[in-house]
Amino acid sequence: MTAPSSFSIKQQILMIGARQWHRARHLRLPVQPCLHRQLARFGCEQLAPACDSLMRLSELLLGHPFRSGEGIILSEDEWRLLDLVEGREHALVHECSAALARAFGHAARSFTIMVDMAIDAGAGRNIASPAPSISPANA
């Protein structure tokens, strides 16, 4: 699936974090330090723990290991994550336990609030726009 021609800064930060999280897990690297380094490039390194929690819960919600796309091509899991965080997809949430659905909902809201606060403080200035900049660099 191809990414739309323009992502919001919030969506780009989510995808940058998701891809870095997936890459670190795949390479068996410490996730939060990798997330911290990658997100620091955009002034939002404080999101590393929230991103880690969100991604761990998303795997439980999806029922399989998270799969990421490449370049501007988003995977089905990435599209679903965007939909879930933005409140557009509810089917998966209803298929899991109520406790998991609540935990994911809290993590998604927390992540969104923290991204908004980071953007208000000037984070995201280094993200290319309008083209998505979602390919993580070296961990």
Foldseek 3Di string as FASTA:
>chain_A
DFAPQFDDLLLLLLLQLLQQQLVCVVVVHPQLVSSLVQQVVQQQSVCSVLSNQLQVLLCVLVVHHADADADRDGDPSSVVSVCVLVVNDCVSLVVDDVVSSVSNNVSSVVSSVSVVVRVVVPGRPPADPGGRDNHTDDD
